[in-house]
Each structure stands twice: as structure tokens, then as C-alpha cells.
Amino acid sequence: MNPPATPEIKNVTPIAVAAKPPLPAPRLLIAGAVGAILLLGIALFAFSHHANRYESVADDVTKAIVNNDMTPVAQDFNAIRRPELADRARVGKLSDMVIALGAFKGSTEITPAGSASGFHEFTETFASGTLDEKYELDSDGKIVRFHIGPKPTP
């Protein structure tokens, strides 16, 4: 009987294990975290400015004037004022004024502190200039007074 065959032993080199990279210094970790938080804050601020509801109404009214069609915003006006919206000559004159300033970019509310309840004022920004827009709301939130035009000089 022959003794059982022994497996052949091969020269095996151990596999090198990659060393873990050293951890960054604590100051770098803190600086990186602060930088990331600042970038996140800036990004959130940049994307978080949404027009308030009064700016949205001002935008809609100005766009309607640009389009020379007040139908889309008629319900935003008090019933007593709605017939004025059908005055095509009046709306056309306003439309010509705003179109002359180029593309409409948006409304920014600039209502002075301490203004009467329901009063709102805006700067309407266009590609080639700005206009002043003011409106006053009744107790139902409908526009009872409206004006758009060049900003009055003091």
C-alpha cells in the first residue's frame, strides 16, 4: 500500500492589502463641512424666491396688458371696475406703453411700510426699463384701483 499522495506545496506570495488613506486633518473636515453648508444655503436661497401672491397678480395683470387682452385677469378686478377692462382703446394704449419697454421680466413688490391695508406697489421690470404699478384691493381681495406707468419723480 502506498501512502496517500501529498498535495504539492506551491510557493504562495501573500496578497498585498492596500493601506487605507490617512484621514484628513480635523480642520479640513470642518472647513469642508462649513463650505458645503454655505453652498447649500446659497442654493436654497437662490431657488426659494417665489413671487408672493400680490406679485403674482401684478405679473398676471401686466402680462394681460402686454397681450392687450384683460379677459384672463377680469375676475381679479372688482365687478364695478370690470367694464373698464373692456375699453379696448384704454387697454391698447397701456399695451403700447409696456410693449415699448421690451420683454416683461417680472414684478417686485415695493409697498412702503405703513401703507393702507390692501394697497400694493410694484416695480415692473422690462428688458429696456421699469414701470411703477399700484393697485388697491377691496375687502374681497379684488382690485378696485389700478395704475401702471412711469415712476413718479419726487
N, C-alpha and C. Protein backbone atom coordinates (compact mmCIF):
# COMPACT_ATOMS: atom_id res chain seq x y z
N MET A 1 0.82 -1.16 0.00
CA MET A 1 0.00 0.00 0.00
C MET A 1 0.87 1.23 0.00
N ASN A 2 0.52 2.06 -0.88
CA ASN A 2 1.31 3.29 -0.97
C ASN A 2 0.69 4.35 -0.08
N PRO A 3 1.57 5.12 0.48
CA PRO A 3 0.99 6.20 1.31
C PRO A 3 0.24 7.20 0.42
N PRO A 4 -0.75 7.82 0.97
CA PRO A 4 -1.53 8.76 0.17
C PRO A 4 -0.62 9.86 -0.35
N ALA A 5 -0.93 10.30 -1.54
CA ALA A 5 -0.11 11.34 -2.16
C ALA A 5 -0.35 12.66 -1.44
N THR A 6 0.72 13.34 -1.19
CA THR A 6 0.60 14.65 -0.54
C THR A 6 0.47 15.71 -1.62
N PRO A 7 -0.38 16.58 -1.39
CA PRO A 7 -0.53 17.64 -2.40
C PRO A 7 0.76 18.42 -2.51
N GLU A 8 0.99 18.86 -3.70
CA GLU A 8 2.20 19.62 -3.94
C GLU A 8 2.05 20.98 -3.31
N ILE A 9 3.02 21.41 -2.61
CA ILE A 9 3.01 22.72 -1.96
C ILE A 9 3.67 23.72 -2.90
N LYS A 10 2.92 24.79 -3.15
CA LYS A 10 3.43 25.83 -4.03
C LYS A 10 3.86 27.01 -3.20
N ASN A 11 4.80 27.77 -3.74
CA ASN A 11 5.25 28.97 -3.07
C ASN A 11 4.19 30.05 -3.31
N VAL A 12 3.49 30.43 -2.29
CA VAL A 12 2.40 31.41 -2.40
C VAL A 12 2.86 32.70 -1.75
N THR A 13 2.75 33.78 -2.54
CA THR A 13 3.11 35.09 -2.02
C THR A 13 1.84 35.72 -1.48
N PRO A 14 1.90 36.28 -0.27
CA PRO A 14 0.68 36.88 0.28
C PRO A 14 0.25 38.09 -0.57
N ILE A 15 -1.07 38.26 -0.69
CA ILE A 15 -1.62 39.37 -1.46
C ILE A 15 -1.45 40.64 -0.63
N ALA A 16 -0.95 41.66 -1.28
CA ALA A 16 -0.75 42.93 -0.57
C ALA A 16 -2.11 43.58 -0.36
N VAL A 17 -2.37 44.01 0.83
CA VAL A 17 -3.61 44.70 1.18
C VAL A 17 -3.30 46.19 1.11
N ALA A 18 -4.13 46.90 0.34
CA ALA A 18 -3.90 48.34 0.19
C ALA A 18 -4.12 49.02 1.53
N ALA A 19 -3.23 49.90 1.82
CA ALA A 19 -3.35 50.65 3.06
C ALA A 19 -4.45 51.69 2.91
N LYS A 20 -5.18 51.93 3.98
CA LYS A 20 -6.22 52.94 3.96
C LYS A 20 -5.55 54.31 3.90
N PRO A 21 -6.14 55.22 3.10
CA PRO A 21 -5.54 56.55 3.06
C PRO A 21 -5.71 57.23 4.41
N PRO A 22 -4.79 58.07 4.76
CA PRO A 22 -4.91 58.73 6.06
C PRO A 22 -6.12 59.67 6.06
N LEU A 23 -6.74 59.79 7.21
CA LEU A 23 -7.89 60.68 7.35
C LEU A 23 -7.42 62.13 7.27
N PRO A 24 -8.24 63.01 6.63
CA PRO A 24 -7.84 64.41 6.56
C PRO A 24 -7.80 65.02 7.96
N ALA A 25 -7.04 66.04 8.07
CA ALA A 25 -6.92 66.72 9.35
C ALA A 25 -8.29 67.25 9.76
N PRO A 26 -8.59 67.31 11.04
CA PRO A 26 -9.90 67.79 11.50
C PRO A 26 -10.25 69.18 10.96
N ARG A 27 -9.28 70.04 10.79
CA ARG A 27 -9.57 71.39 10.28
C ARG A 27 -10.13 71.32 8.86
N LEU A 28 -9.57 70.42 8.05
CA LEU A 28 -10.07 70.28 6.69
C LEU A 28 -11.49 69.74 6.68
N LEU A 29 -11.78 68.82 7.58
CA LEU A 29 -13.14 68.29 7.66
C LEU A 29 -14.12 69.39 8.04
N ILE A 30 -13.77 70.20 9.01
CA ILE A 30 -14.65 71.28 9.46
C ILE A 30 -14.82 72.31 8.35
N ALA A 31 -13.71 72.68 7.70
CA ALA A 31 -13.79 73.67 6.62
C ALA A 31 -14.65 73.14 5.48
N GLY A 32 -14.51 71.88 5.15
CA GLY A 32 -15.32 71.29 4.09
C GLY A 32 -16.80 71.27 4.45
N ALA A 33 -17.10 70.94 5.70
CA ALA A 33 -18.49 70.90 6.14
C ALA A 33 -19.10 72.30 6.11
N VAL A 34 -18.36 73.30 6.58
CA VAL A 34 -18.84 74.68 6.56
C VAL A 34 -19.06 75.13 5.12
N GLY A 35 -18.14 74.82 4.24
CA GLY A 35 -18.28 75.18 2.83
C GLY A 35 -19.51 74.54 2.20
N ALA A 36 -19.73 73.28 2.51
CA ALA A 36 -20.90 72.57 1.96
C ALA A 36 -22.19 73.19 2.47
N ILE A 37 -22.21 73.55 3.74
CA ILE A 37 -23.41 74.18 4.31
C ILE A 37 -23.66 75.54 3.66
N LEU A 38 -22.60 76.31 3.44
CA LEU A 38 -22.76 77.61 2.79
C LEU A 38 -23.29 77.47 1.37
N LEU A 39 -22.72 76.52 0.62
CA LEU A 39 -23.20 76.30 -0.74
C LEU A 39 -24.66 75.86 -0.76
N LEU A 40 -25.04 75.01 0.16
CA LEU A 40 -26.43 74.57 0.25
C LEU A 40 -27.34 75.75 0.58
N GLY A 41 -26.91 76.59 1.50
CA GLY A 41 -27.70 77.76 1.87
C GLY A 41 -27.88 78.72 0.70
N ILE A 42 -26.81 78.95 -0.04
CA ILE A 42 -26.89 79.84 -1.20
C ILE A 42 -27.83 79.25 -2.26
N ALA A 43 -27.71 77.96 -2.49
CA ALA A 43 -28.56 77.30 -3.49
C ALA A 43 -30.03 77.37 -3.07
N LEU A 44 -30.31 77.12 -1.80
CA LEU A 44 -31.69 77.17 -1.33
C LEU A 44 -32.25 78.58 -1.46
N PHE A 45 -31.46 79.60 -1.13
CA PHE A 45 -31.92 80.97 -1.24
C PHE A 45 -32.20 81.33 -2.69
N ALA A 46 -31.30 80.93 -3.58
CA ALA A 46 -31.45 81.27 -4.99
C ALA A 46 -32.72 80.65 -5.59
N PHE A 47 -33.06 79.46 -5.16
CA PHE A 47 -34.22 78.78 -5.73
C PHE A 47 -35.49 78.98 -4.91
N SER A 48 -35.40 79.65 -3.77
CA SER A 48 -36.56 79.74 -2.91
C SER A 48 -37.36 81.02 -3.09
N HIS A 49 -36.85 82.01 -3.85
CA HIS A 49 -37.62 83.23 -4.02
C HIS A 49 -38.79 82.95 -4.96
N HIS A 50 -39.94 82.94 -4.38
CA HIS A 50 -41.16 82.77 -5.15
C HIS A 50 -41.95 84.06 -5.00
N ALA A 51 -42.56 84.48 -6.07
CA ALA A 51 -43.36 85.68 -6.01
C ALA A 51 -44.47 85.49 -4.97
N ASN A 52 -44.69 86.54 -4.16
CA ASN A 52 -45.81 86.44 -3.24
C ASN A 52 -47.10 86.56 -4.06
N ARG A 53 -48.22 86.33 -3.45
CA ARG A 53 -49.46 86.29 -4.23
C ARG A 53 -49.79 87.63 -4.86
N TYR A 54 -49.38 88.72 -4.22
CA TYR A 54 -49.63 90.04 -4.79
C TYR A 54 -48.74 90.28 -6.02
N GLU A 55 -47.49 89.82 -5.96
CA GLU A 55 -46.62 89.89 -7.13
C GLU A 55 -47.16 89.04 -8.27
N SER A 56 -47.72 87.89 -7.93
CA SER A 56 -48.29 87.01 -8.96
C SER A 56 -49.46 87.70 -9.66
N VAL A 57 -50.30 88.38 -8.90
CA VAL A 57 -51.42 89.11 -9.50
C VAL A 57 -50.88 90.23 -10.38
N ALA A 58 -49.88 90.98 -9.88
CA ALA A 58 -49.28 92.05 -10.66
C ALA A 58 -48.67 91.51 -11.95
N ASP A 59 -47.99 90.37 -11.86
CA ASP A 59 -47.44 89.72 -13.07
C ASP A 59 -48.55 89.39 -14.07
N ASP A 60 -49.62 88.78 -13.56
CA ASP A 60 -50.72 88.38 -14.44
C ASP A 60 -51.37 89.58 -15.12
N VAL A 61 -51.59 90.66 -14.35
CA VAL A 61 -52.21 91.85 -14.92
C VAL A 61 -51.29 92.47 -15.97
N THR A 62 -49.99 92.55 -15.68
CA THR A 62 -49.05 93.13 -16.64
C THR A 62 -48.98 92.29 -17.90
N LYS A 63 -48.96 90.97 -17.77
CA LYS A 63 -48.94 90.09 -18.94
C LYS A 63 -50.21 90.28 -19.77
N ALA A 64 -51.35 90.46 -19.09
CA ALA A 64 -52.60 90.69 -19.81
C ALA A 64 -52.53 92.01 -20.58
N ILE A 65 -51.93 93.03 -19.98
CA ILE A 65 -51.77 94.32 -20.67
C ILE A 65 -50.86 94.14 -21.89
N VAL A 66 -49.75 93.43 -21.70
CA VAL A 66 -48.83 93.18 -22.82
C VAL A 66 -49.58 92.51 -23.97
N ASN A 67 -50.44 91.56 -23.65
CA ASN A 67 -51.20 90.81 -24.66
C ASN A 67 -52.43 91.57 -25.16
N ASN A 68 -52.69 92.75 -24.59
CA ASN A 68 -53.85 93.57 -24.97
C ASN A 68 -55.15 92.77 -24.83
N ASP A 69 -55.21 91.95 -23.77
CA ASP A 69 -56.39 91.13 -23.50
C ASP A 69 -56.53 90.95 -22.00
N MET A 70 -57.48 91.65 -21.41
CA MET A 70 -57.66 91.62 -19.96
C MET A 70 -58.57 90.49 -19.50
N THR A 71 -59.09 89.71 -20.42
CA THR A 71 -60.00 88.62 -20.07
C THR A 71 -59.42 87.68 -19.02
N PRO A 72 -58.14 87.26 -19.11
CA PRO A 72 -57.62 86.30 -18.13
C PRO A 72 -57.59 86.84 -16.69
N VAL A 73 -57.59 88.16 -16.51
CA VAL A 73 -57.50 88.72 -15.16
C VAL A 73 -58.77 89.46 -14.75
N ALA A 74 -59.81 89.39 -15.55
CA ALA A 74 -61.04 90.13 -15.25
C ALA A 74 -61.58 89.78 -13.86
N GLN A 75 -61.47 88.52 -13.46
CA GLN A 75 -62.00 88.11 -12.16
C GLN A 75 -61.18 88.65 -10.98
N ASP A 76 -59.98 89.18 -11.26
CA ASP A 76 -59.16 89.77 -10.20
C ASP A 76 -59.62 91.19 -9.88
N PHE A 77 -60.48 91.76 -10.73
CA PHE A 77 -60.96 93.12 -10.55
C PHE A 77 -62.36 93.12 -9.95
N ASN A 78 -62.64 94.15 -9.17
CA ASN A 78 -63.94 94.37 -8.59
C ASN A 78 -64.97 94.49 -9.73
N ALA A 79 -66.18 93.98 -9.51
CA ALA A 79 -67.21 93.97 -10.55
C ALA A 79 -67.50 95.37 -11.09
N ILE A 80 -67.38 96.39 -10.25
CA ILE A 80 -67.63 97.77 -10.69
C ILE A 80 -66.56 98.21 -11.69
N ARG A 81 -65.32 97.72 -11.54
CA ARG A 81 -64.21 98.11 -12.41
C ARG A 81 -64.10 97.26 -13.68
N ARG A 82 -64.72 96.11 -13.72
CA ARG A 82 -64.58 95.22 -14.88
C ARG A 82 -64.95 95.86 -16.22
N PRO A 83 -66.00 96.69 -16.29
CA PRO A 83 -66.31 97.30 -17.60
C PRO A 83 -65.15 98.12 -18.18
N GLU A 84 -64.31 98.70 -17.32
CA GLU A 84 -63.16 99.46 -17.81
C GLU A 84 -62.17 98.57 -18.56
N LEU A 85 -62.15 97.29 -18.20
CA LEU A 85 -61.24 96.35 -18.84
C LEU A 85 -61.63 96.10 -20.30
N ALA A 86 -62.90 96.34 -20.62
CA ALA A 86 -63.38 96.13 -21.98
C ALA A 86 -63.10 97.33 -22.89
N ASP A 87 -62.58 98.41 -22.31
CA ASP A 87 -62.26 99.61 -23.10
C ASP A 87 -60.99 99.33 -23.88
N ARG A 88 -61.16 98.85 -25.14
CA ARG A 88 -60.03 98.41 -25.96
C ARG A 88 -59.04 99.54 -26.22
N ALA A 89 -59.51 100.77 -26.36
CA ALA A 89 -58.60 101.89 -26.62
C ALA A 89 -57.71 102.13 -25.40
N ARG A 90 -58.31 102.10 -24.23
CA ARG A 90 -57.56 102.33 -22.99
C ARG A 90 -56.53 101.22 -22.77
N VAL A 91 -56.96 99.97 -22.91
CA VAL A 91 -56.06 98.84 -22.72
C VAL A 91 -54.98 98.84 -23.81
N GLY A 92 -55.37 99.18 -25.02
CA GLY A 92 -54.41 99.25 -26.12
C GLY A 92 -53.32 100.28 -25.88
N LYS A 93 -53.70 101.41 -25.32
CA LYS A 93 -52.72 102.46 -25.01
C LYS A 93 -51.72 101.97 -23.95
N LEU A 94 -52.24 101.29 -22.93
CA LEU A 94 -51.35 100.72 -21.91
C LEU A 94 -50.46 99.65 -22.54
N SER A 95 -51.03 98.83 -23.40
CA SER A 95 -50.27 97.77 -24.05
C SER A 95 -49.13 98.36 -24.88
N ASP A 96 -49.40 99.40 -25.64
CA ASP A 96 -48.35 100.05 -26.42
C ASP A 96 -47.22 100.56 -25.53
N MET A 97 -47.60 101.12 -24.36
CA MET A 97 -46.60 101.67 -23.43
C MET A 97 -45.68 100.55 -22.91
N VAL A 98 -46.26 99.42 -22.49
CA VAL A 98 -45.43 98.36 -21.90
C VAL A 98 -44.65 97.60 -22.97
N ILE A 99 -45.23 97.41 -24.13
CA ILE A 99 -44.53 96.70 -25.21
C ILE A 99 -43.29 97.48 -25.65
N ALA A 100 -43.37 98.81 -25.58
CA ALA A 100 -42.22 99.65 -25.97
C ALA A 100 -41.00 99.39 -25.09
N LEU A 101 -41.20 98.82 -23.91
CA LEU A 101 -40.08 98.56 -22.99
C LEU A 101 -39.47 97.17 -23.19
N GLY A 102 -39.96 96.41 -24.12
CA GLY A 102 -39.39 95.10 -24.40
C GLY A 102 -40.01 93.99 -23.57
N ALA A 103 -39.31 92.88 -23.50
CA ALA A 103 -39.81 91.68 -22.83
C ALA A 103 -40.05 91.95 -21.34
N PHE A 104 -41.19 91.47 -20.85
CA PHE A 104 -41.53 91.60 -19.44
C PHE A 104 -40.75 90.57 -18.64
N LYS A 105 -40.07 91.04 -17.57
CA LYS A 105 -39.24 90.14 -16.76
C LYS A 105 -39.88 89.78 -15.43
N GLY A 106 -40.73 90.65 -14.86
CA GLY A 106 -41.39 90.30 -13.61
C GLY A 106 -41.66 91.49 -12.71
N SER A 107 -42.42 91.22 -11.65
CA SER A 107 -42.83 92.22 -10.69
C SER A 107 -42.08 92.02 -9.37
N THR A 108 -41.74 93.14 -8.74
CA THR A 108 -41.14 93.10 -7.41
C THR A 108 -41.93 94.04 -6.52
N GLU A 109 -42.47 93.52 -5.44
CA GLU A 109 -43.28 94.37 -4.55
C GLU A 109 -42.38 95.33 -3.79
N ILE A 110 -42.79 96.59 -3.79
CA ILE A 110 -42.05 97.64 -3.08
C ILE A 110 -42.99 98.47 -2.21
N THR A 111 -44.07 97.86 -1.74
CA THR A 111 -45.06 98.57 -0.94
C THR A 111 -44.38 99.17 0.29
N PRO A 112 -44.51 100.49 0.47
CA PRO A 112 -43.88 101.12 1.63
C PRO A 112 -44.49 100.61 2.94
N ALA A 113 -43.66 100.53 3.96
CA ALA A 113 -44.13 100.13 5.28
C ALA A 113 -45.17 101.14 5.75
N GLY A 114 -46.18 100.67 6.41
CA GLY A 114 -47.22 101.54 6.94
C GLY A 114 -48.27 101.94 5.92
N SER A 115 -48.25 101.32 4.73
CA SER A 115 -49.26 101.63 3.71
C SER A 115 -50.63 101.13 4.17
N ALA A 116 -51.65 101.71 3.59
CA ALA A 116 -53.02 101.30 3.92
C ALA A 116 -53.22 99.83 3.58
N SER A 117 -54.08 99.19 4.35
CA SER A 117 -54.39 97.79 4.11
C SER A 117 -54.97 97.65 2.71
N GLY A 118 -54.48 96.69 1.96
CA GLY A 118 -54.97 96.45 0.62
C GLY A 118 -54.20 97.18 -0.46
N PHE A 119 -53.33 98.12 -0.09
CA PHE A 119 -52.54 98.86 -1.07
C PHE A 119 -51.25 98.10 -1.35
N HIS A 120 -50.90 97.97 -2.63
CA HIS A 120 -49.67 97.29 -3.03
C HIS A 120 -49.02 98.05 -4.17
N GLU A 121 -47.70 98.15 -4.12
CA GLU A 121 -46.94 98.84 -5.16
C GLU A 121 -45.82 97.93 -5.64
N PHE A 122 -45.53 98.03 -6.93
CA PHE A 122 -44.56 97.13 -7.55
C PHE A 122 -43.68 97.87 -8.53
N THR A 123 -42.49 97.34 -8.73
CA THR A 123 -41.64 97.75 -9.84
C THR A 123 -41.79 96.66 -10.89
N GLU A 124 -42.25 97.07 -12.06
CA GLU A 124 -42.42 96.15 -13.18
C GLU A 124 -41.16 96.26 -14.04
N THR A 125 -40.42 95.18 -14.16
CA THR A 125 -39.14 95.20 -14.88
C THR A 125 -39.31 94.63 -16.28
N PHE A 126 -38.80 95.40 -17.24
CA PHE A 126 -38.83 95.01 -18.66
C PHE A 126 -37.40 95.02 -19.17
N ALA A 127 -37.19 94.52 -20.36
CA ALA A 127 -35.84 94.45 -20.93
C ALA A 127 -35.21 95.83 -21.06
N SER A 128 -36.02 96.86 -21.32
CA SER A 128 -35.46 98.20 -21.56
C SER A 128 -35.90 99.24 -20.54
N GLY A 129 -36.37 98.83 -19.38
CA GLY A 129 -36.77 99.83 -18.39
C GLY A 129 -37.72 99.26 -17.35
N THR A 130 -38.27 100.16 -16.54
CA THR A 130 -39.19 99.75 -15.49
C THR A 130 -40.41 100.67 -15.49
N LEU A 131 -41.48 100.16 -14.92
CA LEU A 131 -42.69 100.94 -14.69
C LEU A 131 -43.10 100.75 -13.25
N ASP A 132 -43.91 101.66 -12.76
CA ASP A 132 -44.46 101.58 -11.42
C ASP A 132 -45.89 101.07 -11.55
N GLU A 133 -46.25 100.09 -10.76
CA GLU A 133 -47.62 99.57 -10.77
C GLU A 133 -48.15 99.63 -9.36
N LYS A 134 -49.37 100.12 -9.23
CA LYS A 134 -50.03 100.20 -7.93
C LYS A 134 -51.43 99.65 -8.07
N TYR A 135 -51.86 98.95 -7.05
CA TYR A 135 -53.28 98.58 -7.02
C TYR A 135 -53.74 98.52 -5.58
N GLU A 136 -55.06 98.67 -5.44
CA GLU A 136 -55.68 98.62 -4.12
C GLU A 136 -56.77 97.56 -4.16
N LEU A 137 -56.81 96.75 -3.12
CA LEU A 137 -57.77 95.66 -3.05
C LEU A 137 -58.92 96.02 -2.12
N ASP A 138 -60.12 95.54 -2.46
CA ASP A 138 -61.26 95.73 -1.56
C ASP A 138 -61.26 94.61 -0.52
N SER A 139 -62.28 94.57 0.31
CA SER A 139 -62.33 93.57 1.39
C SER A 139 -62.46 92.14 0.85
N ASP A 140 -62.88 92.00 -0.42
CA ASP A 140 -62.98 90.67 -1.03
C ASP A 140 -61.69 90.27 -1.75
N GLY A 141 -60.67 91.13 -1.70
CA GLY A 141 -59.40 90.82 -2.37
C GLY A 141 -59.43 91.11 -3.86
N LYS A 142 -60.38 91.91 -4.31
CA LYS A 142 -60.49 92.29 -5.73
C LYS A 142 -59.90 93.69 -5.92
N ILE A 143 -59.32 93.93 -7.10
CA ILE A 143 -58.71 95.21 -7.41
C ILE A 143 -59.80 96.26 -7.64
N VAL A 144 -59.72 97.37 -6.87
CA VAL A 144 -60.67 98.47 -7.04
C VAL A 144 -60.00 99.69 -7.65
N ARG A 145 -58.69 99.83 -7.48
CA ARG A 145 -57.93 100.91 -8.11
C ARG A 145 -56.67 100.30 -8.70
N PHE A 146 -56.30 100.79 -9.89
CA PHE A 146 -55.14 100.25 -10.57
C PHE A 146 -54.46 101.35 -11.36
N HIS A 147 -53.12 101.34 -11.32
CA HIS A 147 -52.35 102.29 -12.13
C HIS A 147 -51.04 101.64 -12.51
N ILE A 148 -50.64 101.85 -13.77
CA ILE A 148 -49.32 101.43 -14.23
C ILE A 148 -48.78 102.57 -15.08
N GLY A 149 -47.52 102.91 -14.85
CA GLY A 149 -46.91 103.98 -15.63
C GLY A 149 -45.51 104.26 -15.13
N PRO A 150 -44.89 105.31 -15.65
CA PRO A 150 -43.56 105.67 -15.19
C PRO A 150 -43.57 106.02 -13.70
N LYS A 151 -42.48 105.73 -13.04
CA LYS A 151 -42.39 106.04 -11.61
C LYS A 151 -42.42 107.54 -11.44
N PRO A 152 -43.29 108.04 -10.55
CA PRO A 152 -43.36 109.49 -10.34
C PRO A 152 -42.05 110.03 -9.79
N THR A 153 -41.65 111.17 -10.25
CA THR A 153 -40.43 111.80 -9.72
C THR A 153 -40.80 112.58 -8.48
N PRO A 154 -39.96 112.51 -7.47
CA PRO A 154 -40.28 113.18 -6.20
C PRO A 154 -40.24 114.68 -6.30
